[in-house]
N, C-alpha and C. Protein backbone atom coordinates (compact mmCIF):
# COMPACT_ATOMS: atom_id res chain seq x y z
N UNK A 1 -49.50 71.60 48.62
CA UNK A 1 -49.93 70.83 47.53
C UNK A 1 -50.58 69.58 48.03
N UNK A 2 -51.69 69.46 47.61
CA UNK A 2 -52.45 68.31 48.07
C UNK A 2 -52.48 67.28 46.97
N UNK A 3 -51.97 66.17 47.29
CA UNK A 3 -51.95 65.05 46.33
C UNK A 3 -52.92 64.03 46.89
N UNK A 4 -53.91 63.82 46.14
CA UNK A 4 -54.89 62.86 46.61
C UNK A 4 -54.47 61.43 46.34
N UNK A 5 -53.83 61.33 45.29
CA UNK A 5 -53.44 59.96 44.96
C UNK A 5 -51.92 59.94 44.78
N UNK A 6 -51.17 60.14 45.83
CA UNK A 6 -49.71 60.26 45.76
C UNK A 6 -49.01 58.97 45.44
N UNK A 7 -49.58 57.91 45.88
CA UNK A 7 -48.90 56.63 45.65
C UNK A 7 -48.88 56.28 44.18
N UNK A 8 -49.92 56.55 43.49
CA UNK A 8 -49.94 56.21 42.08
C UNK A 8 -49.16 57.19 41.24
N UNK A 9 -49.04 58.43 41.73
CA UNK A 9 -48.32 59.43 40.97
C UNK A 9 -46.83 59.19 41.03
N UNK A 10 -46.30 58.64 42.11
CA UNK A 10 -44.87 58.43 42.23
C UNK A 10 -44.43 57.05 41.75
N UNK A 11 -45.27 56.15 41.53
CA UNK A 11 -44.90 54.80 41.11
C UNK A 11 -44.43 54.82 39.66
N UNK A 12 -43.35 54.12 39.37
CA UNK A 12 -42.87 54.07 37.98
C UNK A 12 -43.82 53.25 37.14
N UNK A 13 -43.75 53.54 35.89
CA UNK A 13 -44.61 52.79 34.97
C UNK A 13 -44.09 51.36 34.84
N UNK A 14 -44.97 50.43 34.81
CA UNK A 14 -44.51 49.04 34.69
C UNK A 14 -43.83 48.82 33.33
N UNK A 15 -42.78 47.98 33.37
CA UNK A 15 -42.07 47.67 32.12
C UNK A 15 -42.92 46.76 31.26
N UNK A 16 -42.97 47.13 30.04
CA UNK A 16 -43.73 46.30 29.11
C UNK A 16 -42.72 45.55 28.25
N UNK A 17 -42.69 44.28 28.39
CA UNK A 17 -41.76 43.48 27.60
C UNK A 17 -42.47 43.01 26.35
N UNK A 18 -41.73 43.08 25.24
CA UNK A 18 -42.39 42.60 24.02
C UNK A 18 -42.56 41.09 24.07
N UNK A 19 -43.56 40.65 23.45
CA UNK A 19 -43.81 39.21 23.39
C UNK A 19 -42.66 38.55 22.62
N UNK A 20 -42.17 37.40 23.09
CA UNK A 20 -41.07 36.73 22.36
C UNK A 20 -41.49 36.40 20.95
N UNK A 21 -40.53 36.60 20.05
CA UNK A 21 -40.83 36.31 18.65
C UNK A 21 -40.92 34.80 18.49
N UNK A 22 -41.83 34.39 17.74
CA UNK A 22 -42.00 32.96 17.53
C UNK A 22 -40.98 32.48 16.50
N UNK A 23 -40.28 31.46 16.88
CA UNK A 23 -39.30 30.87 15.96
C UNK A 23 -40.01 29.86 15.09
N UNK A 24 -39.60 29.83 13.84
CA UNK A 24 -40.26 28.84 12.99
C UNK A 24 -39.84 27.42 13.40
N UNK A 25 -40.71 26.52 13.33
CA UNK A 25 -40.43 25.14 13.68
C UNK A 25 -39.79 24.46 12.48
N UNK A 26 -38.64 23.81 12.73
CA UNK A 26 -37.93 23.12 11.66
C UNK A 26 -38.34 21.66 11.65
N UNK A 27 -38.58 21.17 10.50
CA UNK A 27 -38.90 19.75 10.33
C UNK A 27 -37.87 19.16 9.39
N UNK A 28 -37.17 18.12 9.85
CA UNK A 28 -36.17 17.46 9.02
C UNK A 28 -36.86 16.45 8.11
N UNK A 29 -36.50 16.54 6.87
CA UNK A 29 -37.09 15.64 5.88
C UNK A 29 -35.94 14.89 5.22
N UNK A 30 -36.02 13.59 5.18
CA UNK A 30 -34.96 12.79 4.55
C UNK A 30 -35.03 12.99 3.04
N UNK A 31 -33.87 13.37 2.50
CA UNK A 31 -33.81 13.57 1.06
C UNK A 31 -33.51 12.24 0.38
N UNK A 32 -33.98 12.07 -0.79
CA UNK A 32 -33.71 10.85 -1.56
C UNK A 32 -32.25 10.86 -1.98
N UNK A 33 -31.57 9.69 -1.95
CA UNK A 33 -30.16 9.66 -2.37
C UNK A 33 -30.05 10.02 -3.84
N UNK A 34 -28.93 10.66 -4.21
CA UNK A 34 -28.79 11.04 -5.61
C UNK A 34 -28.66 9.81 -6.49
N UNK A 35 -29.11 9.94 -7.69
CA UNK A 35 -29.02 8.85 -8.66
C UNK A 35 -27.56 8.63 -9.02
N UNK A 36 -27.07 7.39 -9.03
CA UNK A 36 -25.67 7.17 -9.43
C UNK A 36 -25.48 7.46 -10.90
N UNK A 37 -24.27 7.94 -11.20
CA UNK A 37 -23.98 8.23 -12.60
C UNK A 37 -23.82 6.92 -13.36
N UNK A 38 -24.25 6.88 -14.60
CA UNK A 38 -24.10 5.64 -15.36
C UNK A 38 -22.63 5.36 -15.63
N UNK A 39 -22.29 4.07 -15.70
CA UNK A 39 -20.92 3.68 -15.99
C UNK A 39 -20.57 4.02 -17.43
N UNK A 40 -19.33 4.42 -17.68
CA UNK A 40 -18.95 4.73 -19.06
C UNK A 40 -18.89 3.44 -19.88
N UNK A 41 -19.04 3.59 -21.14
CA UNK A 41 -18.97 2.45 -22.04
C UNK A 41 -17.54 1.91 -22.04
N UNK A 42 -17.35 0.59 -22.05
CA UNK A 42 -15.99 0.04 -22.07
C UNK A 42 -15.28 0.40 -23.36
N UNK A 43 -13.96 0.61 -23.24
CA UNK A 43 -13.17 0.96 -24.41
C UNK A 43 -12.85 -0.26 -25.27
N UNK A 44 -12.99 -1.44 -24.71
CA UNK A 44 -12.70 -2.66 -25.45
C UNK A 44 -13.54 -3.78 -24.87
N UNK A 45 -13.65 -4.83 -25.62
CA UNK A 45 -14.37 -6.00 -25.13
C UNK A 45 -13.37 -6.97 -24.54
N UNK A 46 -13.55 -7.40 -23.29
CA UNK A 46 -12.55 -8.24 -22.63
C UNK A 46 -12.21 -9.52 -23.38
N UNK A 47 -13.17 -10.14 -24.07
CA UNK A 47 -12.85 -11.39 -24.76
C UNK A 47 -11.95 -11.18 -25.98
N UNK A 48 -11.77 -9.96 -26.40
CA UNK A 48 -10.91 -9.67 -27.54
C UNK A 48 -9.49 -9.28 -27.15
N UNK A 49 -9.23 -9.17 -25.84
CA UNK A 49 -7.89 -8.82 -25.38
C UNK A 49 -6.98 -10.01 -25.60
N UNK A 50 -5.81 -9.81 -26.16
CA UNK A 50 -4.91 -10.94 -26.39
C UNK A 50 -4.55 -11.64 -25.08
N UNK A 51 -4.24 -12.92 -25.18
CA UNK A 51 -3.91 -13.74 -24.01
C UNK A 51 -2.72 -13.16 -23.24
N UNK A 52 -1.72 -12.65 -23.95
CA UNK A 52 -0.53 -12.12 -23.30
C UNK A 52 -0.87 -10.91 -22.42
N UNK A 53 -1.82 -10.08 -22.86
CA UNK A 53 -2.19 -8.90 -22.08
C UNK A 53 -2.91 -9.28 -20.79
N UNK A 54 -3.62 -10.41 -20.78
CA UNK A 54 -4.34 -10.84 -19.59
C UNK A 54 -3.47 -11.66 -18.64
N UNK A 55 -2.28 -12.01 -19.06
CA UNK A 55 -1.42 -12.86 -18.24
C UNK A 55 -1.03 -12.17 -16.95
N UNK A 56 -1.05 -12.93 -15.88
CA UNK A 56 -0.61 -12.44 -14.57
C UNK A 56 0.80 -12.96 -14.34
N UNK A 57 1.63 -12.13 -13.75
CA UNK A 57 3.03 -12.48 -13.52
C UNK A 57 3.31 -12.59 -12.04
N UNK A 58 4.08 -13.61 -11.70
CA UNK A 58 4.62 -13.76 -10.36
C UNK A 58 6.08 -13.34 -10.44
N UNK A 59 6.57 -12.60 -9.47
CA UNK A 59 7.94 -12.11 -9.51
C UNK A 59 8.72 -12.61 -8.31
N UNK A 60 10.04 -12.62 -8.46
CA UNK A 60 10.91 -12.93 -7.33
C UNK A 60 12.24 -12.22 -7.52
N UNK A 61 12.98 -12.11 -6.44
CA UNK A 61 14.30 -11.48 -6.47
C UNK A 61 15.23 -12.29 -5.61
N UNK A 62 16.52 -12.15 -5.86
CA UNK A 62 17.52 -12.86 -5.08
C UNK A 62 18.04 -11.94 -3.99
N UNK A 63 18.15 -12.49 -2.79
CA UNK A 63 18.71 -11.73 -1.67
C UNK A 63 19.58 -12.66 -0.84
N UNK A 64 20.57 -12.11 -0.13
CA UNK A 64 21.46 -12.97 0.65
C UNK A 64 20.90 -13.27 2.04
N UNK A 65 21.32 -14.42 2.56
CA UNK A 65 21.04 -14.78 3.94
C UNK A 65 22.37 -15.20 4.55
N UNK A 66 22.68 -14.66 5.70
CA UNK A 66 23.97 -14.94 6.33
C UNK A 66 23.77 -15.81 7.55
N UNK A 67 24.47 -16.93 7.55
CA UNK A 67 24.49 -17.80 8.72
C UNK A 67 25.67 -17.44 9.60
N UNK A 68 26.04 -18.34 10.47
CA UNK A 68 27.14 -18.06 11.38
C UNK A 68 28.47 -18.00 10.64
N UNK A 69 28.72 -18.96 9.75
CA UNK A 69 30.00 -18.96 9.01
C UNK A 69 29.82 -19.00 7.50
N UNK A 70 28.60 -19.13 7.02
CA UNK A 70 28.40 -19.23 5.58
C UNK A 70 27.19 -18.42 5.14
N UNK A 71 27.07 -18.29 3.82
CA UNK A 71 25.99 -17.52 3.20
C UNK A 71 25.12 -18.45 2.38
N UNK A 72 23.94 -17.95 2.05
CA UNK A 72 23.03 -18.65 1.15
C UNK A 72 22.20 -17.58 0.45
N UNK A 73 21.87 -17.80 -0.81
CA UNK A 73 21.01 -16.86 -1.53
C UNK A 73 19.59 -17.41 -1.53
N UNK A 74 18.63 -16.51 -1.37
CA UNK A 74 17.23 -16.86 -1.30
C UNK A 74 16.49 -16.20 -2.45
N UNK A 75 15.72 -16.99 -3.21
CA UNK A 75 14.81 -16.42 -4.21
C UNK A 75 13.51 -16.11 -3.46
N UNK A 76 13.23 -14.82 -3.30
CA UNK A 76 12.11 -14.37 -2.48
C UNK A 76 10.97 -13.89 -3.35
N UNK A 77 9.75 -14.36 -3.07
CA UNK A 77 8.57 -13.97 -3.83
C UNK A 77 8.29 -12.49 -3.68
N UNK A 78 7.93 -11.84 -4.79
CA UNK A 78 7.63 -10.41 -4.75
C UNK A 78 6.27 -10.11 -4.15
N UNK A 79 5.37 -11.08 -4.09
CA UNK A 79 4.03 -10.84 -3.54
C UNK A 79 3.90 -11.28 -2.10
N UNK A 80 4.49 -12.41 -1.74
CA UNK A 80 4.33 -12.93 -0.38
C UNK A 80 5.57 -12.78 0.47
N UNK A 81 6.72 -12.43 -0.13
CA UNK A 81 8.01 -12.30 0.56
C UNK A 81 8.44 -13.62 1.21
N UNK A 82 8.01 -14.74 0.65
CA UNK A 82 8.42 -16.05 1.14
C UNK A 82 9.49 -16.63 0.23
N UNK A 83 10.26 -17.52 0.77
CA UNK A 83 11.33 -18.16 0.00
C UNK A 83 10.73 -19.11 -1.03
N UNK A 84 11.19 -18.99 -2.27
CA UNK A 84 10.77 -19.88 -3.34
C UNK A 84 11.82 -20.97 -3.55
N UNK A 85 13.08 -20.56 -3.52
CA UNK A 85 14.19 -21.49 -3.73
C UNK A 85 15.41 -20.99 -2.98
N UNK A 86 16.32 -21.93 -2.66
CA UNK A 86 17.54 -21.60 -1.93
C UNK A 86 18.75 -22.08 -2.72
N UNK A 87 19.82 -21.32 -2.66
CA UNK A 87 21.07 -21.72 -3.29
C UNK A 87 21.81 -22.65 -2.34
N UNK A 88 22.86 -23.33 -2.84
CA UNK A 88 23.71 -24.07 -1.92
C UNK A 88 24.43 -23.09 -0.99
N UNK A 89 24.84 -23.58 0.18
CA UNK A 89 25.59 -22.75 1.12
C UNK A 89 26.98 -22.51 0.56
N UNK A 90 27.55 -21.32 0.86
CA UNK A 90 28.91 -21.02 0.44
C UNK A 90 29.56 -20.11 1.47
N UNK A 91 30.87 -20.14 1.47
CA UNK A 91 31.62 -19.28 2.39
C UNK A 91 32.12 -18.06 1.64
N UNK A 92 31.99 -16.91 2.26
CA UNK A 92 32.49 -15.66 1.69
C UNK A 92 32.61 -14.65 2.81
N UNK A 93 33.47 -13.71 2.58
CA UNK A 93 33.59 -12.60 3.53
C UNK A 93 32.46 -11.60 3.27
N UNK A 94 32.25 -10.77 4.24
CA UNK A 94 31.27 -9.69 4.05
C UNK A 94 31.89 -8.67 3.11
N UNK A 95 31.11 -8.21 2.13
CA UNK A 95 31.61 -7.24 1.15
C UNK A 95 31.96 -5.93 1.84
N UNK A 96 33.02 -5.31 1.37
CA UNK A 96 33.45 -4.03 1.93
C UNK A 96 32.63 -2.90 1.32
N UNK A 97 32.53 -1.80 2.06
CA UNK A 97 31.83 -0.59 1.61
C UNK A 97 30.36 -0.83 1.29
N UNK A 98 29.75 -1.77 1.98
CA UNK A 98 28.33 -2.05 1.79
C UNK A 98 27.64 -1.89 3.14
N UNK A 99 26.58 -1.09 3.17
CA UNK A 99 25.89 -0.84 4.43
C UNK A 99 25.09 -2.06 4.90
N UNK A 100 24.41 -2.74 3.97
CA UNK A 100 23.64 -3.92 4.35
C UNK A 100 24.52 -5.16 4.20
N UNK A 101 24.18 -6.24 4.89
CA UNK A 101 25.01 -7.43 4.77
C UNK A 101 24.96 -7.99 3.35
N UNK A 102 26.12 -8.20 2.79
CA UNK A 102 26.23 -8.75 1.44
C UNK A 102 27.52 -9.56 1.36
N UNK A 103 27.49 -10.69 0.68
CA UNK A 103 28.70 -11.49 0.55
C UNK A 103 29.63 -10.91 -0.51
N UNK A 104 30.92 -11.09 -0.30
CA UNK A 104 31.87 -10.69 -1.34
C UNK A 104 31.84 -11.76 -2.44
N UNK A 105 32.23 -11.37 -3.62
CA UNK A 105 32.18 -12.28 -4.76
C UNK A 105 33.43 -13.16 -4.77
N UNK A 106 33.21 -14.46 -4.87
CA UNK A 106 34.30 -15.42 -5.05
C UNK A 106 33.77 -16.59 -5.87
N UNK A 107 34.59 -17.56 -6.15
CA UNK A 107 34.20 -18.68 -7.02
C UNK A 107 33.02 -19.47 -6.45
N UNK A 108 33.06 -19.77 -5.16
CA UNK A 108 31.96 -20.53 -4.54
C UNK A 108 30.66 -19.74 -4.58
N UNK A 109 30.73 -18.44 -4.38
CA UNK A 109 29.53 -17.59 -4.41
C UNK A 109 28.95 -17.54 -5.82
N UNK A 110 29.81 -17.41 -6.84
CA UNK A 110 29.32 -17.38 -8.23
C UNK A 110 28.64 -18.70 -8.60
N UNK A 111 29.22 -19.82 -8.17
CA UNK A 111 28.59 -21.13 -8.46
C UNK A 111 27.23 -21.24 -7.78
N UNK A 112 27.10 -20.71 -6.56
CA UNK A 112 25.82 -20.74 -5.86
C UNK A 112 24.77 -19.92 -6.59
N UNK A 113 25.16 -18.75 -7.09
CA UNK A 113 24.21 -17.91 -7.85
C UNK A 113 23.80 -18.62 -9.14
N UNK A 114 24.76 -19.18 -9.87
CA UNK A 114 24.46 -19.88 -11.12
C UNK A 114 23.55 -21.08 -10.87
N UNK A 115 23.78 -21.80 -9.78
CA UNK A 115 22.95 -22.94 -9.43
C UNK A 115 21.51 -22.51 -9.14
N UNK A 116 21.35 -21.45 -8.39
CA UNK A 116 20.01 -20.95 -8.07
C UNK A 116 19.30 -20.44 -9.31
N UNK A 117 19.99 -19.73 -10.17
CA UNK A 117 19.38 -19.24 -11.41
C UNK A 117 18.96 -20.39 -12.30
N UNK A 118 19.79 -21.42 -12.41
CA UNK A 118 19.44 -22.59 -13.24
C UNK A 118 18.21 -23.29 -12.68
N UNK A 119 18.12 -23.38 -11.35
CA UNK A 119 16.96 -24.01 -10.72
C UNK A 119 15.69 -23.22 -11.03
N UNK A 120 15.76 -21.90 -10.92
CA UNK A 120 14.59 -21.07 -11.22
C UNK A 120 14.17 -21.20 -12.68
N UNK A 121 15.15 -21.15 -13.60
CA UNK A 121 14.83 -21.24 -15.02
C UNK A 121 14.24 -22.60 -15.38
N UNK A 122 14.66 -23.65 -14.71
CA UNK A 122 14.10 -24.97 -14.98
C UNK A 122 12.65 -25.09 -14.51
N UNK A 123 12.22 -24.19 -13.64
CA UNK A 123 10.84 -24.19 -13.16
C UNK A 123 10.01 -23.08 -13.81
N UNK A 124 10.45 -22.57 -14.94
CA UNK A 124 9.65 -21.62 -15.71
C UNK A 124 9.89 -20.16 -15.43
N UNK A 125 10.87 -19.82 -14.62
CA UNK A 125 11.17 -18.42 -14.33
C UNK A 125 12.09 -17.88 -15.41
N UNK A 126 11.92 -16.62 -15.77
CA UNK A 126 12.81 -15.97 -16.71
C UNK A 126 13.41 -14.73 -16.07
N UNK A 127 14.69 -14.49 -16.34
CA UNK A 127 15.39 -13.35 -15.77
C UNK A 127 14.94 -12.09 -16.49
N UNK A 128 14.55 -11.07 -15.72
CA UNK A 128 14.06 -9.83 -16.32
C UNK A 128 14.84 -8.61 -15.88
N UNK A 129 15.77 -8.76 -14.95
CA UNK A 129 16.51 -7.58 -14.51
C UNK A 129 17.67 -7.92 -13.61
N UNK A 130 18.51 -6.93 -13.49
CA UNK A 130 19.68 -7.03 -12.61
C UNK A 130 19.45 -6.13 -11.41
N UNK A 131 20.21 -6.37 -10.38
CA UNK A 131 20.16 -5.50 -9.21
C UNK A 131 21.45 -4.72 -9.10
N UNK A 132 21.62 -4.03 -8.00
CA UNK A 132 22.83 -3.26 -7.77
C UNK A 132 24.02 -4.14 -7.41
N UNK A 133 23.78 -5.19 -6.65
CA UNK A 133 24.86 -6.08 -6.22
C UNK A 133 25.11 -7.16 -7.27
N UNK A 134 26.27 -7.79 -7.20
CA UNK A 134 26.67 -8.79 -8.19
C UNK A 134 25.76 -10.02 -8.19
N UNK A 135 25.13 -10.34 -7.07
CA UNK A 135 24.31 -11.54 -6.95
C UNK A 135 22.84 -11.29 -7.21
N UNK A 136 22.43 -10.05 -7.24
CA UNK A 136 21.00 -9.73 -7.35
C UNK A 136 20.49 -10.02 -8.76
N UNK A 137 19.24 -10.41 -8.81
CA UNK A 137 18.57 -10.64 -10.08
C UNK A 137 17.08 -10.61 -9.84
N UNK A 138 16.34 -10.29 -10.88
CA UNK A 138 14.89 -10.28 -10.80
C UNK A 138 14.36 -11.25 -11.84
N UNK A 139 13.35 -12.02 -11.43
CA UNK A 139 12.78 -13.07 -12.28
C UNK A 139 11.26 -12.94 -12.28
N UNK A 140 10.65 -13.53 -13.30
CA UNK A 140 9.19 -13.57 -13.36
C UNK A 140 8.76 -14.85 -14.08
N UNK A 141 7.49 -15.21 -13.85
CA UNK A 141 6.86 -16.31 -14.58
C UNK A 141 5.36 -16.09 -14.57
N UNK A 142 4.71 -16.67 -15.55
CA UNK A 142 3.26 -16.54 -15.64
C UNK A 142 2.60 -17.43 -14.60
N UNK A 143 1.50 -16.90 -14.06
CA UNK A 143 0.76 -17.70 -13.06
C UNK A 143 -0.34 -18.47 -13.73
């Protein structure tokens, strides 16, 4: 067998690769911000609200403070947690069956609580609630 052109007859066909597909070019466009929704109509006119409804209240509560040998009650602000007024010092034992430090009730302790309450009431505070302990109380006044 005579092959005149043997080299071309035995050579594999060249691989034909398809042309890469063209990807579409993305262009980012800034969208306009959405329009804000209109505010709803007010249910009432502020100048017609009664004065009592607009009043702001400051609150305080009574809590104990224990020194080395005596106790004192502190009227503590509900917003700033600072002392507003202090009771006179009194001696009392620590109350039994209480997890947190609390004075036991005795005559000197009752007088201290009454003194502190009278001081608060003379400065415009009104009693609005009781607490769990015998000395606790909640007060408020308009700001």
